[in-house]
Amino acid sequence: MSDASTIQTGAGADEPATPAPSERRAWRDRTGRDMFLALASLLVPILLIGALLRACGSAEPTVLDPAPAIEEARTAALFPVLVPDGLDEGWRTVQAKFRRDDGAVGTLRLGYLTPTGGQVLLVESNADAGALLAAELGEDVRPDGEVVVAGQSWTRSIVRGDERSLVLVEDGRTIIIVGRAPVEEMITLAESLR
């Protein structure tokens, strides 16, 4: 009989041909490696583009309108709200929030980028002054003199390492200006409060 008419019988006759175990292992390893390489080829360019955009400073800060937060604080009527008036165009508002705690305590936060690129936060609140100062300025507060603004004495301090602060504690309200900016700009902000 010829080879074409030979019929196989036995255990291996009905089973499909399977690759040898070493071939199966290579196929499995290659698939995992291929998936990793494919993901890496996608992620590396995305990460590089993100790093370049961040390094080049292309992300301009979002400038906000502080009016809604100021209006909310004034409507709550928990303390007399002072807001900056007459600051030049170099001052940009980047944060504006009013939060009311326990119904009778409120805090207004206005964050600014200064004309020289500094960052300052104006905080006004009727919260307990000691607790508010500890929360906003931290434990490392080093007094650095006083500044008189509009006839009122503000305490000047160095806080959190290299940040500066101006603090005015009044009956029923505490005003804090804190951040990384020249003290002259912080005084300008304090002088603008009306």
Protein backbone atom coordinates (compact mmCIF):
# COMPACT_ATOMS: atom_id res chain seq x y z
CA MET A 1 0.00 0.00 0.00
CA SER A 2 1.01 3.51 -0.59
CA ASP A 3 1.59 6.11 2.11
CA ALA A 4 -1.59 7.98 1.13
CA SER A 5 -3.78 5.03 1.99
CA THR A 6 -2.17 4.39 5.35
CA ILE A 7 -4.61 4.90 8.17
CA GLN A 8 -3.33 5.62 11.61
CA THR A 9 -5.01 4.00 14.51
CA GLY A 10 -4.35 4.26 18.20
CA ALA A 11 -4.22 6.98 20.88
CA GLY A 12 -2.72 9.77 18.75
CA ALA A 13 -4.92 9.32 15.70
CA ASP A 14 -7.79 11.66 16.68
CA GLU A 15 -5.75 14.38 18.47
CA PRO A 16 -4.62 17.49 16.59
CA ALA A 17 -0.94 18.07 16.35
CA THR A 18 0.27 20.16 19.32
CA PRO A 19 3.45 22.12 19.51
CA ALA A 20 6.22 20.81 21.65
CA PRO A 21 6.33 22.18 25.26
CA SER A 22 9.35 24.36 24.48
CA GLU A 23 7.47 25.96 21.56
CA ARG A 24 4.43 26.69 23.82
CA ARG A 25 6.63 28.41 26.44
CA ALA A 26 8.29 30.60 23.81
CA TRP A 27 4.87 31.63 22.44
CA ARG A 28 3.61 32.56 25.93
CA ASP A 29 6.74 34.55 26.81
CA ARG A 30 6.69 36.32 23.48
CA THR A 31 3.07 37.43 24.00
CA GLY A 32 3.76 38.99 27.42
CA ARG A 33 6.89 40.66 26.18
CA ASP A 34 5.12 41.93 23.07
CA MET A 35 2.31 43.45 25.17
CA PHE A 36 4.84 45.15 27.43
CA LEU A 37 6.74 46.57 24.45
CA ALA A 38 3.52 47.77 22.84
CA LEU A 39 2.44 49.56 26.03
CA ALA A 40 5.88 51.05 26.53
CA SER A 41 5.94 52.32 22.96
CA LEU A 42 2.67 54.16 23.68
CA LEU A 43 3.47 55.44 27.17
CA VAL A 44 7.00 56.72 26.60
CA PRO A 45 6.01 59.37 24.01
CA ILE A 46 3.01 60.46 26.11
CA LEU A 47 5.19 60.88 29.20
CA LEU A 48 7.85 62.76 27.24
CA ILE A 49 5.30 65.18 25.79
CA GLY A 50 3.79 65.76 29.26
CA ALA A 51 7.23 66.41 30.77
CA LEU A 52 8.15 68.85 28.00
CA LEU A 53 4.91 70.78 28.40
CA ARG A 54 5.41 71.02 32.15
CA ALA A 55 9.07 72.01 31.83
CA CYS A 56 8.32 74.71 29.27
CA GLY A 57 5.72 76.26 31.54
CA SER A 58 2.98 76.12 28.97
CA ALA A 59 0.29 75.67 31.60
CA GLU A 60 -0.95 79.15 32.39
CA PRO A 61 -2.73 79.43 35.73
CA THR A 62 -6.48 79.63 35.62
CA VAL A 63 -7.60 83.12 36.62
CA LEU A 64 -10.85 83.17 38.58
CA ASP A 65 -13.51 85.75 39.31
CA PRO A 66 -13.58 86.04 43.11
CA ALA A 67 -16.97 87.85 43.14
CA PRO A 68 -19.17 84.76 43.80
CA ALA A 69 -17.10 83.66 46.83
CA ILE A 70 -16.96 87.23 48.17
CA GLU A 71 -20.72 87.62 47.72
CA GLU A 72 -21.35 84.32 49.48
CA ALA A 73 -19.19 85.47 52.43
CA ARG A 74 -20.97 88.82 52.60
CA THR A 75 -24.40 87.18 52.40
CA ALA A 76 -23.49 84.86 55.30
CA ALA A 77 -22.78 88.03 57.37
CA LEU A 78 -20.58 86.17 59.84
CA PHE A 79 -17.86 88.86 59.84
CA PRO A 80 -17.15 92.11 58.00
CA VAL A 81 -15.60 91.01 54.68
CA LEU A 82 -12.72 93.07 53.32
CA VAL A 83 -11.63 92.61 49.73
CA PRO A 84 -8.73 93.97 47.70
CA ASP A 85 -9.56 97.10 45.76
CA GLY A 86 -7.30 98.92 43.32
CA LEU A 87 -4.64 96.26 42.76
CA ASP A 88 -2.90 96.62 39.40
CA GLU A 89 -3.27 94.12 36.56
CA GLY A 90 -0.26 92.08 37.69
CA TRP A 91 -2.34 90.59 40.50
CA ARG A 92 -4.24 87.51 39.34
CA THR A 93 -6.85 85.69 41.41
CA VAL A 94 -6.29 81.94 41.22
CA GLN A 95 -8.36 80.77 44.18
CA ALA A 96 -11.65 81.99 45.64
CA LYS A 97 -13.57 79.93 48.18
CA PHE A 98 -15.92 80.58 51.06
CA ARG A 99 -16.59 77.76 53.50
CA ARG A 100 -19.05 77.81 56.33
CA ASP A 101 -18.48 75.48 59.30
CA ASP A 102 -20.93 74.80 62.13
CA GLY A 103 -23.31 77.46 60.84
CA ALA A 104 -21.69 80.29 62.80
CA VAL A 105 -18.08 80.07 61.55
CA GLY A 106 -16.98 81.02 58.05
CA THR A 107 -13.67 81.33 56.21
CA LEU A 108 -12.98 83.22 52.99
CA ARG A 109 -9.85 82.28 51.03
CA LEU A 110 -8.58 84.33 48.09
CA GLY A 111 -5.37 83.16 46.41
CA TYR A 112 -3.30 85.49 44.22
CA LEU A 113 -0.31 85.41 41.93
CA THR A 114 1.61 88.63 42.46
CA PRO A 115 3.19 90.88 39.81
CA THR A 116 6.65 89.41 40.57
CA GLY A 117 5.39 85.82 40.32
CA GLY A 118 4.89 85.25 44.04
CA GLN A 119 1.96 83.41 45.54
CA VAL A 120 -0.11 84.73 48.43
CA LEU A 121 -3.26 83.61 50.17
CA LEU A 122 -5.65 86.04 51.87
CA VAL A 123 -7.66 84.33 54.61
CA GLU A 124 -10.47 86.04 56.51
CA SER A 125 -12.40 84.20 59.19
CA ASN A 126 -14.33 84.51 62.41
CA ALA A 127 -12.97 81.13 63.61
CA ASP A 128 -11.06 80.96 66.88
CA ALA A 129 -7.87 82.94 66.19
CA GLY A 130 -5.52 80.47 67.86
CA ALA A 131 -6.88 77.46 65.98
CA LEU A 132 -7.02 79.37 62.69
CA LEU A 133 -3.42 80.61 63.00
CA ALA A 134 -2.16 77.12 63.84
CA ALA A 135 -4.04 75.63 60.88
CA GLU A 136 -2.96 78.27 58.36
CA LEU A 137 0.59 79.04 59.49
CA GLY A 138 1.70 75.78 61.08
CA GLU A 139 3.79 75.32 64.20
CA ASP A 140 7.01 76.99 62.99
CA VAL A 141 6.06 80.68 63.35
CA ARG A 142 8.94 83.11 63.90
CA PRO A 143 7.81 86.69 64.61
CA ASP A 144 9.61 89.23 62.41
CA GLY A 145 8.26 92.55 63.66
CA GLU A 146 5.17 94.57 62.98
CA VAL A 147 3.85 96.55 60.04
CA VAL A 148 1.39 99.41 60.36
CA VAL A 149 -1.21 99.42 57.59
CA ALA A 150 -4.01 102.02 57.61
CA GLY A 151 -3.35 102.72 61.29
CA GLN A 152 -3.55 99.06 62.30
CA SER A 153 -0.65 96.97 63.52
CA TRP A 154 -0.16 93.70 61.61
CA THR A 155 2.19 91.01 62.95
CA ARG A 156 4.84 89.99 60.43
CA SER A 157 6.27 86.46 60.69
CA ILE A 158 8.31 83.87 58.86
CA VAL A 159 6.41 80.59 58.65
CA ARG A 160 6.79 77.09 57.19
CA GLY A 161 10.45 77.55 56.40
CA ASP A 162 10.65 80.39 53.87
CA GLU A 163 7.11 81.77 53.65
CA ARG A 164 6.07 85.10 55.11
CA SER A 165 2.86 86.14 56.77
CA LEU A 166 1.01 89.25 57.90
CA VAL A 167 -1.68 88.74 60.54
CA LEU A 168 -4.32 91.10 61.91
CA VAL A 169 -6.39 89.77 64.82
CA GLU A 170 -9.50 91.80 65.57
CA ASP A 171 -12.55 91.16 67.69
CA GLY A 172 -14.66 88.71 65.67
CA ARG A 173 -12.31 88.45 62.68
CA THR A 174 -8.79 87.36 61.83
CA ILE A 175 -7.08 88.34 58.57
CA ILE A 176 -4.04 86.40 57.37
CA ILE A 177 -1.88 87.07 54.33
CA VAL A 178 0.59 84.23 53.82
CA GLY A 179 2.79 82.98 51.00
CA ARG A 180 5.98 83.23 49.03
CA ALA A 181 6.21 86.80 47.87
CA PRO A 182 8.18 89.91 48.79
CA VAL A 183 6.86 91.48 51.97
CA GLU A 184 6.27 94.72 50.01
CA GLU A 185 3.69 92.95 47.86
CA MET A 186 2.03 91.50 50.94
CA ILE A 187 1.82 94.99 52.42
CA THR A 188 0.35 96.25 49.12
CA LEU A 189 -2.35 93.58 49.39
CA ALA A 190 -3.09 94.54 53.01
CA GLU A 191 -3.29 98.24 52.06
CA SER A 192 -5.80 97.44 49.30
CA LEU A 193 -8.34 95.82 51.64
CA ARG A 194 -11.60 97.77 51.82
